[in-house]
Amino acid sequence: MREEKAHRVVVLVRPGLLPMELGIVHRLFGTASGADGRRLYAVVTCAPVPGEIATDTDFTINVPCGPEALGGADTVIVPAAVEDYTPQKRGQLAAPVRAALARIPDGARLASICTGSFVLAAAGLLAGRRATTHWKSCEELRTLYPEIDVDPDVLYTDDRGVLTSAGVAAGIDLCLHMIRSDHGAEVANTVARDTVVPPHRDGGQAQYIEQPIREPVDASTAAARTYALRHLERPLVLEDLAREASMSVRTLSRKFRQETGMTPIQWLAHQRLQHARRLLEQTDEPVDRVAARAGFGTGTAMRQHFREALGVSPRAYRHTFRGTARRHAPS
């Protein structure tokens, strides 16, 4: 009986590589095995021009394989490089990289980690597809390539054989997703367990993004906003804020939108969410107590706000940013 050929994963690296992203691919795919112990993937690293490749650290890597390695790829993964973090131009792609991508066989699965998505976008491989990248670069990707459906809220996307992921660590989620799609949850869970990472993370990028509001200077609603921040735990209404600002509710609403870009209710909900995030990160207080201190009233109401704004529950958010070691209170 002929042994089944291992799925060939080729990683295309560029100068300025982030070594962790290359390590993720080798570690996860390289340790995936079947019930008989057979390695399920063969991972190969190549570069548009083989040889010594600079990284974003104080060491280089030696890549003996050139772009010809892409010709036999079943999956091609493009990690990020330092050049991706400089201002981009539409279609910006070094000639050797473009030539290397042309060697990828039809039907091969394509994936990027973090801002490696700009390479796929510049090559026209994301047109008409849903994609993501690091949250700091999502707006630039959307502006340069309006034909791409950029989703800034997810950890990874999978659209008809072309996949993208958010920041560096989201490359782990992406690789585990591909392994799960290829060989099922049991294999992916084993790889995750061996690597000591969760097989699946709840929510998306929103929970990792700080969301400060740029406060206007010397604004007429300043007194109302200061009062609200000092009394977030109270069931504030527009009349309370209008009184502090010495104006009518109608005038307050108009001025608030002019000065903050939000209605008073939207601004208040945002501030309560931010306060709740800080309490979950910095204290062991139960979720119901955090909800009361942040002005949500009940844990149920706060859970709904967290789901809508961040895509995770307060408990999952706390688990991510505070861990379980110091958390003894019920949530």
C-alpha atoms as a PDB file:
ATOM      1  CA  MET A   1       0.000   0.000   0.000  1.00  0.00           C
ATOM      2  CA  ARG A   2       1.496   3.312  -1.057  1.00  0.00           C
ATOM      3  CA  GLU A   3       2.057   5.809   1.750  1.00  0.00           C
ATOM      4  CA  GLU A   4       0.017   8.978   1.387  1.00  0.00           C
ATOM      5  CA  LYS A   5       2.128  11.989   0.512  1.00  0.00           C
ATOM      6  CA  ALA A   6       2.430  14.684   3.175  1.00  0.00           C
ATOM      7  CA  HIS A   7       0.728  18.001   2.444  1.00  0.00           C
ATOM      8  CA  ARG A   8       3.458  20.434   1.365  1.00  0.00           C
ATOM      9  CA  VAL A   9       3.406  23.815   3.145  1.00  0.00           C
ATOM     10  CA  VAL A  10       5.808  26.380   1.675  1.00  0.00           C
ATOM     11  CA  VAL A  11       6.556  29.571   3.610  1.00  0.00           C
ATOM     12  CA  LEU A  12       7.645  32.502   1.466  1.00  0.00           C
ATOM     13  CA  VAL A  13       9.820  34.816   3.551  1.00  0.00           C
ATOM     14  CA  ARG A  14      11.170  38.255   2.727  1.00  0.00           C
ATOM     15  CA  PRO A  15      13.961  40.437   4.167  1.00  0.00           C
ATOM     16  CA  GLY A  16      12.858  41.934   7.467  1.00  0.00           C
ATOM     17  CA  LEU A  17      11.005  38.746   8.417  1.00  0.00           C
ATOM     18  CA  LEU A  18       9.419  38.480  11.869  1.00  0.00           C
ATOM     19  CA  PRO A  19      10.996  35.183  13.038  1.00  0.00           C
ATOM     20  CA  MET A  20       8.107  34.287  15.342  1.00  0.00           C
ATOM     21  CA  GLU A  21       5.757  34.057  12.375  1.00  0.00           C
ATOM     22  CA  LEU A  22       8.020  31.599  10.609  1.00  0.00           C
ATOM     23  CA  GLY A  23       8.386  29.609  13.820  1.00  0.00           C
ATOM     24  CA  ILE A  24       4.619  29.379  14.237  1.00  0.00           C
ATOM     25  CA  VAL A  25       4.196  27.643  10.882  1.00  0.00           C
ATOM     26  CA  HIS A  26       7.016  25.158  11.434  1.00  0.00           C
ATOM     27  CA  ARG A  27       5.950  24.367  14.983  1.00  0.00           C
ATOM     28  CA  LEU A  28       2.253  23.808  14.335  1.00  0.00           C
ATOM     29  CA  PHE A  29       2.276  22.128  10.932  1.00  0.00           C
ATOM     30  CA  GLY A  30       5.533  20.373  11.698  1.00  0.00           C
ATOM     31  CA  THR A  31       4.127  18.577  14.732  1.00  0.00           C
ATOM     32  CA  ALA A  32       0.768  17.545  13.262  1.00  0.00           C
ATOM     33  CA  SER A  33       0.615  13.774  12.892  1.00  0.00           C
ATOM     34  CA  GLY A  34      -1.943  11.093  12.167  1.00  0.00           C
ATOM     35  CA  ALA A  35      -3.059   8.233  14.403  1.00  0.00           C
ATOM     36  CA  ASP A  36      -0.219   6.126  13.008  1.00  0.00           C
ATOM     37  CA  GLY A  37       2.365   8.768  13.930  1.00  0.00           C
ATOM     38  CA  ARG A  38       2.930   9.807  10.318  1.00  0.00           C
ATOM     39  CA  ARG A  39       3.746  13.480   9.802  1.00  0.00           C
ATOM     40  CA  LEU A  40       0.844  15.077   7.972  1.00  0.00           C
ATOM     41  CA  TYR A  41       2.724  18.086   6.618  1.00  0.00           C
ATOM     42  CA  ALA A  42       6.109  18.795   5.077  1.00  0.00           C
ATOM     43  CA  VAL A  43       7.109  22.399   5.750  1.00  0.00           C
ATOM     44  CA  VAL A  44       9.627  24.167   3.527  1.00  0.00           C
ATOM     45  CA  THR A  45      10.930  27.731   3.782  1.00  0.00           C
ATOM     46  CA  CYS A  46      11.869  29.626   0.639  1.00  0.00           C
ATOM     47  CA  ALA A  47      12.792  33.164  -0.344  1.00  0.00           C
ATOM     48  CA  PRO A  48      12.524  35.098  -3.623  1.00  0.00           C
ATOM     49  CA  VAL A  49      16.335  35.230  -3.538  1.00  0.00           C
ATOM     50  CA  PRO A  50      17.813  32.402  -1.441  1.00  0.00           C
ATOM     51  CA  GLY A  51      20.628  32.907   1.031  1.00  0.00           C
ATOM     52  CA  GLU A  52      21.023  34.943   4.197  1.00  0.00           C
ATOM     53  CA  ILE A  53      17.791  36.742   5.061  1.00  0.00           C
ATOM     54  CA  ALA A  54      17.655  39.642   7.487  1.00  0.00           C
ATOM     55  CA  THR A  55      15.022  39.602  10.223  1.00  0.00           C
ATOM     56  CA  ASP A  56      13.638  42.322  12.446  1.00  0.00           C
ATOM     57  CA  THR A  57      15.932  41.073  15.214  1.00  0.00           C
ATOM     58  CA  ASP A  58      19.709  40.945  15.740  1.00  0.00           C
ATOM     59  CA  PHE A  59      20.099  37.654  13.857  1.00  0.00           C
ATOM     60  CA  THR A  60      19.632  36.465  10.290  1.00  0.00           C
ATOM     61  CA  ILE A  61      18.377  33.159   8.915  1.00  0.00           C
ATOM     62  CA  ASN A  62      19.798  31.084   6.090  1.00  0.00           C
ATOM     63  CA  VAL A  63      17.248  30.074   3.470  1.00  0.00           C
ATOM     64  CA  PRO A  64      18.766  27.721   0.878  1.00  0.00           C
ATOM     65  CA  CYS A  65      15.536  27.265  -1.100  1.00  0.00           C
ATOM     66  CA  GLY A  66      14.580  29.731  -3.788  1.00  0.00           C
ATOM     67  CA  PRO A  67      11.188  30.443  -5.398  1.00  0.00           C
ATOM     68  CA  GLU A  68      11.225  27.133  -7.274  1.00  0.00           C
ATOM     69  CA  ALA A  69      10.036  25.512  -4.023  1.00  0.00           C
ATOM     70  CA  LEU A  70       6.670  27.166  -4.542  1.00  0.00           C
ATOM     71  CA  GLY A  71       6.015  25.067  -7.638  1.00  0.00           C
ATOM     72  CA  GLY A  72       5.164  21.996  -5.581  1.00  0.00           C
ATOM     73  CA  ALA A  73       3.208  23.757  -2.834  1.00  0.00           C
ATOM     74  CA  ASP A  74      -0.165  22.605  -1.592  1.00  0.00           C
ATOM     75  CA  THR A  75      -0.343  25.574   0.786  1.00  0.00           C
ATOM     76  CA  VAL A  76       1.654  28.806   0.607  1.00  0.00           C
ATOM     77  CA  ILE A  77       1.985  31.050   3.661  1.00  0.00           C
ATOM     78  CA  VAL A  78       3.322  34.607   3.529  1.00  0.00           C
ATOM     79  CA  PRO A  79       4.438  36.023   6.911  1.00  0.00           C
ATOM     80  CA  ALA A  80       4.885  39.710   7.587  1.00  0.00           C
ATOM     81  CA  ALA A  81       8.073  41.695   7.063  1.00  0.00           C
ATOM     82  CA  VAL A  82       9.293  45.060   8.304  1.00  0.00           C
ATOM     83  CA  GLU A  83       8.545  46.692   4.948  1.00  0.00           C
ATOM     84  CA  ASP A  84       4.831  46.079   5.495  1.00  0.00           C
ATOM     85  CA  TYR A  85       4.833  48.580   8.364  1.00  0.00           C
ATOM     86  CA  THR A  86       5.976  51.461   6.188  1.00  0.00           C
ATOM     87  CA  PRO A  87       3.401  53.463   4.205  1.00  0.00           C
ATOM     88  CA  GLN A  88       2.181  51.266   1.370  1.00  0.00           C
ATOM     89  CA  LYS A  89       1.253  52.015  -2.227  1.00  0.00           C
ATOM     90  CA  ARG A  90      -1.345  50.150  -4.212  1.00  0.00           C
ATOM     91  CA  GLY A  91       0.226  47.241  -6.044  1.00  0.00           C
ATOM     92  CA  GLN A  92       3.553  47.750  -4.264  1.00  0.00           C
ATOM     93  CA  LEU A  93       5.427  44.488  -4.673  1.00  0.00           C
ATOM     94  CA  ALA A  94       9.118  43.831  -5.279  1.00  0.00           C
ATOM     95  CA  ALA A  95       9.781  42.194  -8.653  1.00  0.00           C
ATOM     96  CA  PRO A  96      11.370  39.041  -7.139  1.00  0.00           C
ATOM     97  CA  VAL A  97       8.352  38.568  -4.856  1.00  0.00           C
ATOM     98  CA  ARG A  98       5.921  39.005  -7.741  1.00  0.00           C
ATOM     99  CA  ALA A  99       7.891  36.505  -9.822  1.00  0.00           C
ATOM    100  CA  ALA A 100       7.916  34.047  -6.928  1.00  0.00           C
ATOM    101  CA  LEU A 101       4.143  34.273  -6.477  1.00  0.00           C
ATOM    102  CA  ALA A 102       3.678  33.500 -10.174  1.00  0.00           C
ATOM    103  CA  ARG A 103       5.191  30.062  -9.526  1.00  0.00           C
ATOM    104  CA  ILE A 104       2.399  29.005  -7.180  1.00  0.00           C
ATOM    105  CA  PRO A 105       0.351  26.246  -8.824  1.00  0.00           C
ATOM    106  CA  ASP A 106      -3.346  26.683  -9.490  1.00  0.00           C
ATOM    107  CA  GLY A 107      -5.431  25.268  -6.688  1.00  0.00           C
ATOM    108  CA  ALA A 108      -2.842  25.819  -3.960  1.00  0.00           C
ATOM    109  CA  ARG A 109      -4.204  27.251  -0.732  1.00  0.00           C
ATOM    110  CA  LEU A 110      -2.875  30.742   0.055  1.00  0.00           C
ATOM    111  CA  ALA A 111      -2.513  32.334   3.471  1.00  0.00           C
ATOM    112  CA  SER A 112      -0.908  35.358   5.087  1.00  0.00           C
ATOM    113  CA  ILE A 113       0.050  36.152   8.650  1.00  0.00           C
ATOM    114  CA  CYS A 114      -0.431  39.672   9.975  1.00  0.00           C
ATOM    115  CA  THR A 115       0.552  42.308   7.375  1.00  0.00           C
ATOM    116  CA  GLY A 116       1.641  39.630   4.935  1.00  0.00           C
ATOM    117  CA  SER A 117      -1.871  40.289   3.633  1.00  0.00           C
ATOM    118  CA  PHE A 118      -0.491  43.339   1.789  1.00  0.00           C
ATOM    119  CA  VAL A 119       1.547  40.974  -0.395  1.00  0.00           C
ATOM    120  CA  LEU A 120      -1.539  38.969  -1.346  1.00  0.00           C
ATOM    121  CA  ALA A 121      -3.482  42.184  -1.904  1.00  0.00           C
ATOM    122  CA  ALA A 122      -0.795  43.740  -4.106  1.00  0.00           C
ATOM    123  CA  ALA A 123      -0.746  40.582  -6.215  1.00  0.00           C
ATOM    124  CA  GLY A 124      -4.510  40.822  -6.720  1.00  0.00           C
ATOM    125  CA  LEU A 125      -5.156  37.598  -4.795  1.00  0.00           C
ATOM    126  CA  LEU A 126      -7.601  39.126  -2.314  1.00  0.00           C
ATOM    127  CA  ALA A 127      -9.859  40.933  -4.780  1.00  0.00           C
ATOM    128  CA  GLY A 128     -13.506  40.178  -4.103  1.00  0.00           C
ATOM    129  CA  ARG A 129     -12.658  38.270  -0.944  1.00  0.00           C
ATOM    130  CA  ARG A 130     -13.052  38.826   2.757  1.00  0.00           C
ATOM    131  CA  ALA A 131      -9.724  39.453   4.473  1.00  0.00           C
ATOM    132  CA  THR A 132      -8.147  40.888   7.588  1.00  0.00           C
ATOM    133  CA  THR A 133      -4.778  42.079   8.856  1.00  0.00           C
ATOM    134  CA  HIS A 134      -3.364  43.649  11.998  1.00  0.00           C
ATOM    135  CA  TRP A 135      -5.903  46.112  13.372  1.00  0.00           C
ATOM    136  CA  LYS A 136      -3.464  49.011  13.010  1.00  0.00           C
ATOM    137  CA  SER A 137      -3.252  48.346   9.261  1.00  0.00           C
ATOM    138  CA  CYS A 138      -6.866  47.486   8.437  1.00  0.00           C
ATOM    139  CA  GLU A 139      -7.834  50.999   7.397  1.00  0.00           C
ATOM    140  CA  GLU A 140      -4.794  51.298   5.119  1.00  0.00           C
ATOM    141  CA  LEU A 141      -5.609  47.952   3.502  1.00  0.00           C
ATOM    142  CA  ARG A 142      -9.226  49.021   2.969  1.00  0.00           C
ATOM    143  CA  THR A 143      -8.225  52.389   1.510  1.00  0.00           C
ATOM    144  CA  LEU A 144      -5.643  50.975  -0.895  1.00  0.00           C
ATOM    145  CA  TYR A 145      -7.778  48.021  -1.983  1.00  0.00           C
ATOM    146  CA  PRO A 146     -11.493  48.893  -1.877  1.00  0.00           C
ATOM    147  CA  GLU A 147     -12.207  45.704  -3.823  1.00  0.00           C
ATOM    148  CA  ILE A 148     -11.315  43.695  -0.683  1.00  0.00           C
ATOM    149  CA  ASP A 149     -13.917  43.146   2.033  1.00  0.00           C
ATOM    150  CA  VAL A 150     -11.681  44.051   4.986  1.00  0.00           C
ATOM    151  CA  ASP A 151     -12.965  42.758   8.315  1.00  0.00           C
ATOM    152  CA  PRO A 152     -11.065  44.376  11.225  1.00  0.00           C
ATOM    153  CA  ASP A 153     -12.951  42.465  13.913  1.00  0.00           C
ATOM    154  CA  VAL A 154     -11.783  38.881  13.359  1.00  0.00           C
ATOM    155  CA  LEU A 155      -8.643  36.906  14.149  1.00  0.00           C
ATOM    156  CA  TYR A 156      -8.573  35.264  10.713  1.00  0.00           C
ATOM    157  CA  THR A 157     -10.591  34.819   7.536  1.00  0.00           C
ATOM    158  CA  ASP A 158     -11.041  31.884   5.187  1.00  0.00           C
ATOM    159  CA  ASP A 159     -12.573  32.784   1.847  1.00  0.00           C
ATOM    160  CA  ARG A 160     -12.504  30.144  -0.892  1.00  0.00           C
ATOM    161  CA  GLY A 161      -9.005  28.895  -0.295  1.00  0.00           C
ATOM    162  CA  VAL A 162      -7.396  32.240   0.508  1.00  0.00           C
ATOM    163  CA  LEU A 163      -6.837  32.936   4.189  1.00  0.00           C
ATOM    164  CA  THR A 164      -5.581  35.911   6.168  1.00  0.00           C
ATOM    165  CA  SER A 165      -4.890  36.521   9.843  1.00  0.00           C
ATOM    166  CA  ALA A 166      -4.595  39.475  12.177  1.00  0.00           C
ATOM    167  CA  GLY A 167      -1.539  40.117  14.370  1.00  0.00           C
ATOM    168  CA  VAL A 168       1.379  37.770  14.941  1.00  0.00           C
ATOM    169  CA  ALA A 169      -0.343  35.516  17.484  1.00  0.00           C
ATOM    170  CA  ALA A 170      -3.398  35.251  15.253  1.00  0.00           C
ATOM    171  CA  GLY A 171      -1.128  33.259  12.953  1.00  0.00           C
ATOM    172  CA  ILE A 172      -1.492  30.475  15.515  1.00  0.00           C
ATOM    173  CA  ASP A 173      -5.264  30.622  15.214  1.00  0.00           C
ATOM    174  CA  LEU A 174      -4.956  30.592  11.436  1.00  0.00           C
ATOM    175  CA  CYS A 175      -2.649  27.563  11.296  1.00  0.00           C
ATOM    176  CA  LEU A 176      -4.770  25.603  13.755  1.00  0.00           C
ATOM    177  CA  HIS A 177      -7.822  26.418  11.651  1.00  0.00           C
ATOM    178  CA  MET A 178      -6.135  25.025   8.546  1.00  0.00           C
ATOM    179  CA  ILE A 179      -5.064  21.874  10.384  1.00  0.00           C
ATOM    180  CA  ARG A 180      -8.603  21.498  11.757  1.00  0.00           C
ATOM    181  CA  SER A 181     -10.062  21.933   8.266  1.00  0.00           C
ATOM    182  CA  ASP A 182      -7.638  19.373   6.799  1.00  0.00           C
ATOM    183  CA  HIS A 183      -7.677  16.681   9.481  1.00  0.00           C
ATOM    184  CA  GLY A 184     -10.375  17.434  12.033  1.00  0.00           C
ATOM    185  CA  ALA A 185     -10.585  18.829  15.547  1.00  0.00           C
ATOM    186  CA  GLU A 186      -8.763  15.959  17.248  1.00  0.00           C
ATOM    187  CA  VAL A 187      -5.536  16.512  15.323  1.00  0.00           C
ATOM    188  CA  ALA A 188      -5.727  20.294  15.733  1.00  0.00           C
ATOM    189  CA  ASN A 189      -6.461  19.962  19.463  1.00  0.00           C
ATOM    190  CA  THR A 190      -3.466  17.679  19.922  1.00  0.00           C
ATOM    191  CA  VAL A 191      -1.187  20.175  18.170  1.00  0.00           C
ATOM    192  CA  ALA A 192      -2.590  23.000  20.301  1.00  0.00           C
ATOM    193  CA  ARG A 193      -2.168  20.990  23.490  1.00  0.00           C
ATOM    194  CA  ASP A 194       1.427  20.083  22.660  1.00  0.00           C
ATOM    195  CA  THR A 195       2.187  23.729  21.925  1.00  0.00           C
ATOM    196  CA  VAL A 196       0.332  24.874  25.071  1.00  0.00           C
ATOM    197  CA  VAL A 197      -2.023  27.210  23.244  1.00  0.00           C
ATOM    198  CA  PRO A 198      -5.841  27.235  23.129  1.00  0.00           C
ATOM    199  CA  PRO A 199      -7.257  25.319  20.140  1.00  0.00           C
ATOM    200  CA  HIS A 200      -9.706  28.150  19.603  1.00  0.00           C
ATOM    201  CA  ARG A 201      -9.898  31.710  20.920  1.00  0.00           C
ATOM    202  CA  ASP A 202     -13.194  33.494  21.460  1.00  0.00           C
ATOM    203  CA  GLY A 203     -13.892  36.866  19.927  1.00  0.00           C
ATOM    204  CA  GLY A 204     -11.836  38.876  17.496  1.00  0.00           C
ATOM    205  CA  GLN A 205      -9.395  41.777  17.392  1.00  0.00           C
ATOM    206  CA  ALA A 206     -11.716  44.274  19.062  1.00  0.00           C
ATOM    207  CA  GLN A 207     -10.877  43.025  22.544  1.00  0.00           C
ATOM    208  CA  TYR A 208      -7.181  43.815  21.972  1.00  0.00           C
ATOM    209  CA  ILE A 209      -7.683  47.371  20.739  1.00  0.00           C
ATOM    210  CA  GLU A 210      -7.571  50.291  23.121  1.00  0.00           C
ATOM    211  CA  GLN A 211     -10.432  52.594  22.222  1.00  0.00           C
ATOM    212  CA  PRO A 212      -9.823  56.008  23.735  1.00  0.00           C
ATOM    213  CA  ILE A 213     -12.014  58.879  22.624  1.00  0.00           C
ATOM    214  CA  ARG A 214     -10.211  62.017  21.644  1.00  0.00           C
ATOM    215  CA  GLU A 215     -11.620  64.550  24.053  1.00  0.00           C
ATOM    216  CA  PRO A 216     -12.132  68.105  22.767  1.00  0.00           C
ATOM    217  CA  VAL A 217     -10.277  70.906  24.526  1.00  0.00           C
ATOM    218  CA  ASP A 218     -12.258  73.789  26.076  1.00  0.00           C
ATOM    219  CA  ALA A 219     -15.522  72.324  24.819  1.00  0.00           C
ATOM    220  CA  SER A 220     -18.895  73.499  26.060  1.00  0.00           C
ATOM    221  CA  THR A 221     -19.862  69.965  27.111  1.00  0.00           C
ATOM    222  CA  ALA A 222     -16.734  69.491  29.232  1.00  0.00           C
ATOM    223  CA  ALA A 223     -18.574  69.974  32.529  1.00  0.00           C
ATOM    224  CA  ALA A 224     -21.174  67.383  31.575  1.00  0.00           C
ATOM    225  CA  ARG A 225     -18.524  64.867  30.557  1.00  0.00           C
ATOM    226  CA  THR A 226     -16.518  65.418  33.729  1.00  0.00           C
ATOM    227  CA  TYR A 227     -19.638  64.908  35.823  1.00  0.00           C
ATOM    228  CA  ALA A 228     -20.514  61.709  33.939  1.00  0.00           C
ATOM    229  CA  LEU A 229     -17.028  60.231  34.385  1.00  0.00           C
ATOM    230  CA  ARG A 230     -17.199  60.892  38.121  1.00  0.00           C
ATOM    231  CA  HIS A 231     -20.603  59.250  38.438  1.00  0.00           C
ATOM    232  CA  LEU A 232     -20.571  56.386  35.909  1.00  0.00           C
ATOM    233  CA  GLU A 233     -22.134  54.036  38.455  1.00  0.00           C
ATOM    234  CA  ARG A 234     -25.317  56.147  38.537  1.00  0.00           C
ATOM    235  CA  PRO A 235     -28.255  55.672  36.118  1.00  0.00           C
ATOM    236  CA  LEU A 236     -27.473  58.933  34.317  1.00  0.00           C
ATOM    237  CA  VAL A 237     -30.003  60.491  31.953  1.00  0.00           C
ATOM    238  CA  LEU A 238     -29.686  63.324  29.464  1.00  0.00           C
ATOM    239  CA  GLU A 239     -31.328  65.771  31.844  1.00  0.00           C
ATOM    240  CA  ASP A 240     -28.513  65.187  34.360  1.00  0.00           C
ATOM    241  CA  LEU A 241     -25.834  65.984  31.785  1.00  0.00           C
ATOM    242  CA  ALA A 242     -27.736  68.976  30.401  1.00  0.00           C
ATOM    243  CA  ARG A 243     -28.064  70.445  33.889  1.00  0.00           C
ATOM    244  CA  GLU A 244     -24.319  70.176  34.472  1.00  0.00           C
ATOM    245  CA  ALA A 245     -23.633  71.846  31.120  1.00  0.00           C
ATOM    246  CA  SER A 246     -26.245  74.572  31.824  1.00  0.00           C
ATOM    247  CA  MET A 247     -28.028  73.957  28.542  1.00  0.00           C
ATOM    248  CA  SER A 248     -31.139  72.273  27.218  1.00  0.00           C
ATOM    249  CA  VAL A 249     -31.181  68.574  26.352  1.00  0.00           C
ATOM    250  CA  ARG A 250     -31.549  69.462  22.672  1.00  0.00           C
ATOM    251  CA  THR A 251     -28.579  71.826  22.740  1.00  0.00           C
ATOM    252  CA  LEU A 252     -26.502  69.339  24.704  1.00  0.00           C
ATOM    253  CA  SER A 253     -27.178  66.596  22.165  1.00  0.00           C
ATOM    254  CA  ARG A 254     -26.201  68.866  19.267  1.00  0.00           C
ATOM    255  CA  LYS A 255     -23.041  70.146  20.970  1.00  0.00           C
ATOM    256  CA  PHE A 256     -22.042  66.659  22.084  1.00  0.00           C
ATOM    257  CA  ARG A 257     -22.154  65.335  18.548  1.00  0.00           C
ATOM    258  CA  GLN A 258     -20.204  68.321  17.252  1.00  0.00           C
ATOM    259  CA  GLU A 259     -17.504  67.999  19.909  1.00  0.00           C
ATOM    260  CA  THR A 260     -17.123  64.222  20.311  1.00  0.00           C
ATOM    261  CA  GLY A 261     -18.625  62.760  17.135  1.00  0.00           C
ATOM    262  CA  MET A 262     -21.089  60.798  19.290  1.00  0.00           C
ATOM    263  CA  THR A 263     -24.451  61.264  20.922  1.00  0.00           C
ATOM    264  CA  PRO A 264     -24.339  61.602  24.722  1.00  0.00           C
ATOM    265  CA  ILE A 265     -25.753  58.089  25.089  1.00  0.00           C
ATOM    266  CA  GLN A 266     -23.139  56.590  22.738  1.00  0.00           C
ATOM    267  CA  TRP A 267     -20.348  58.438  24.536  1.00  0.00           C
ATOM    268  CA  LEU A 268     -21.614  57.309  27.932  1.00  0.00           C
ATOM    269  CA  ALA A 269     -21.863  53.667  26.807  1.00  0.00           C
ATOM    270  CA  HIS A 270     -18.312  53.822  25.449  1.00  0.00           C
ATOM    271  CA  GLN A 271     -16.951  55.261  28.691  1.00  0.00           C
ATOM    272  CA  ARG A 272     -18.739  52.608  30.726  1.00  0.00           C
ATOM    273  CA  LEU A 273     -17.321  49.889  28.524  1.00  0.00           C
ATOM    274  CA  GLN A 274     -13.795  51.257  28.920  1.00  0.00           C
ATOM    275  CA  HIS A 275     -14.189  51.522  32.694  1.00  0.00           C
ATOM    276  CA  ALA A 276     -15.495  47.953  32.875  1.00  0.00           C
ATOM    277  CA  ARG A 277     -12.514  46.730  30.834  1.00  0.00           C
ATOM    278  CA  ARG A 278     -10.111  48.359  33.270  1.00  0.00           C
ATOM    279  CA  LEU A 279     -11.893  46.852  36.277  1.00  0.00           C
ATOM    280  CA  LEU A 280     -11.847  43.382  34.731  1.00  0.00           C
ATOM    281  CA  GLU A 281      -8.138  43.712  33.968  1.00  0.00           C
ATOM    282  CA  GLN A 282      -7.105  45.189  37.313  1.00  0.00           C
ATOM    283  CA  THR A 283      -9.445  43.741  39.956  1.00  0.00           C
ATOM    284  CA  ASP A 284     -10.916  40.413  41.052  1.00  0.00           C
ATOM    285  CA  GLU A 285     -14.397  41.835  41.573  1.00  0.00           C
ATOM    286  CA  PRO A 286     -17.303  39.680  40.339  1.00  0.00           C
ATOM    287  CA  VAL A 287     -18.828  40.602  37.002  1.00  0.00           C
ATOM    288  CA  ASP A 288     -22.047  41.824  38.631  1.00  0.00           C
ATOM    289  CA  ARG A 289     -20.049  44.178  40.846  1.00  0.00           C
ATOM    290  CA  VAL A 290     -18.038  45.453  37.872  1.00  0.00           C
ATOM    291  CA  ALA A 291     -21.305  46.003  35.988  1.00  0.00           C
ATOM    292  CA  ALA A 292     -22.667  48.068  38.875  1.00  0.00           C
ATOM    293  CA  ARG A 293     -19.503  50.165  39.213  1.00  0.00           C
ATOM    294  CA  ALA A 294     -19.419  50.837  35.479  1.00  0.00           C
ATOM    295  CA  GLY A 295     -23.082  51.835  35.377  1.00  0.00           C
ATOM    296  CA  PHE A 296     -24.452  48.905  33.394  1.00  0.00           C
ATOM    297  CA  GLY A 297     -26.720  47.992  36.277  1.00  0.00           C
ATOM    298  CA  THR A 298     -26.628  44.219  35.872  1.00  0.00           C
ATOM    299  CA  GLY A 299     -24.153  41.624  34.720  1.00  0.00           C
ATOM    300  CA  THR A 300     -26.597  40.588  32.011  1.00  0.00           C
ATOM    301  CA  ALA A 301     -26.681  44.095  30.547  1.00  0.00           C
ATOM    302  CA  MET A 302     -22.895  44.336  30.615  1.00  0.00           C
ATOM    303  CA  ARG A 303     -22.503  40.933  28.957  1.00  0.00           C
ATOM    304  CA  GLN A 304     -24.688  42.133  26.097  1.00  0.00           C
ATOM    305  CA  HIS A 305     -22.580  45.275  25.651  1.00  0.00           C
ATOM    306  CA  PHE A 306     -19.358  43.254  25.679  1.00  0.00           C
ATOM    307  CA  ARG A 307     -20.698  40.809  23.098  1.00  0.00           C
ATOM    308  CA  GLU A 308     -21.832  43.609  20.798  1.00  0.00           C
ATOM    309  CA  ALA A 309     -18.696  45.766  21.146  1.00  0.00           C
ATOM    310  CA  LEU A 310     -15.897  43.228  21.671  1.00  0.00           C
ATOM    311  CA  GLY A 311     -17.308  39.881  20.576  1.00  0.00           C
ATOM    312  CA  VAL A 312     -16.528  38.200  23.914  1.00  0.00           C
ATOM    313  CA  SER A 313     -18.104  37.868  27.347  1.00  0.00           C
ATOM    314  CA  PRO A 314     -16.709  39.781  30.343  1.00  0.00           C
ATOM    315  CA  ARG A 315     -15.481  36.487  31.749  1.00  0.00           C
ATOM    316  CA  ALA A 316     -13.598  35.620  28.541  1.00  0.00           C
ATOM    317  CA  TYR A 317     -12.167  39.149  28.406  1.00  0.00           C
ATOM    318  CA  ARG A 318     -10.885  38.870  31.962  1.00  0.00           C
ATOM    319  CA  HIS A 319      -9.451  35.432  31.246  1.00  0.00           C
ATOM    320  CA  THR A 320      -7.499  36.877  28.311  1.00  0.00           C
ATOM    321  CA  PHE A 321      -6.124  39.959  30.033  1.00  0.00           C
ATOM    322  CA  ARG A 322      -5.871  38.890  33.659  1.00  0.00           C
ATOM    323  CA  GLY A 323      -5.700  35.105  33.568  1.00  0.00           C
ATOM    324  CA  THR A 324      -7.135  32.748  36.153  1.00  0.00           C
ATOM    325  CA  ALA A 325      -4.354  32.590  38.733  1.00  0.00           C
ATOM    326  CA  ARG A 326      -5.532  35.630  40.691  1.00  0.00           C
ATOM    327  CA  ARG A 327      -9.227  35.348  39.953  1.00  0.00           C
ATOM    328  CA  HIS A 328     -11.177  33.768  42.774  1.00  0.00           C
ATOM    329  CA  ALA A 329     -14.425  35.675  42.623  1.00  0.00           C
ATOM    330  CA  PRO A 330     -17.309  34.245  40.570  1.00  0.00           C
ATOM    331  CA  SER A 331     -17.915  35.801  37.185  1.00  0.00           C
END
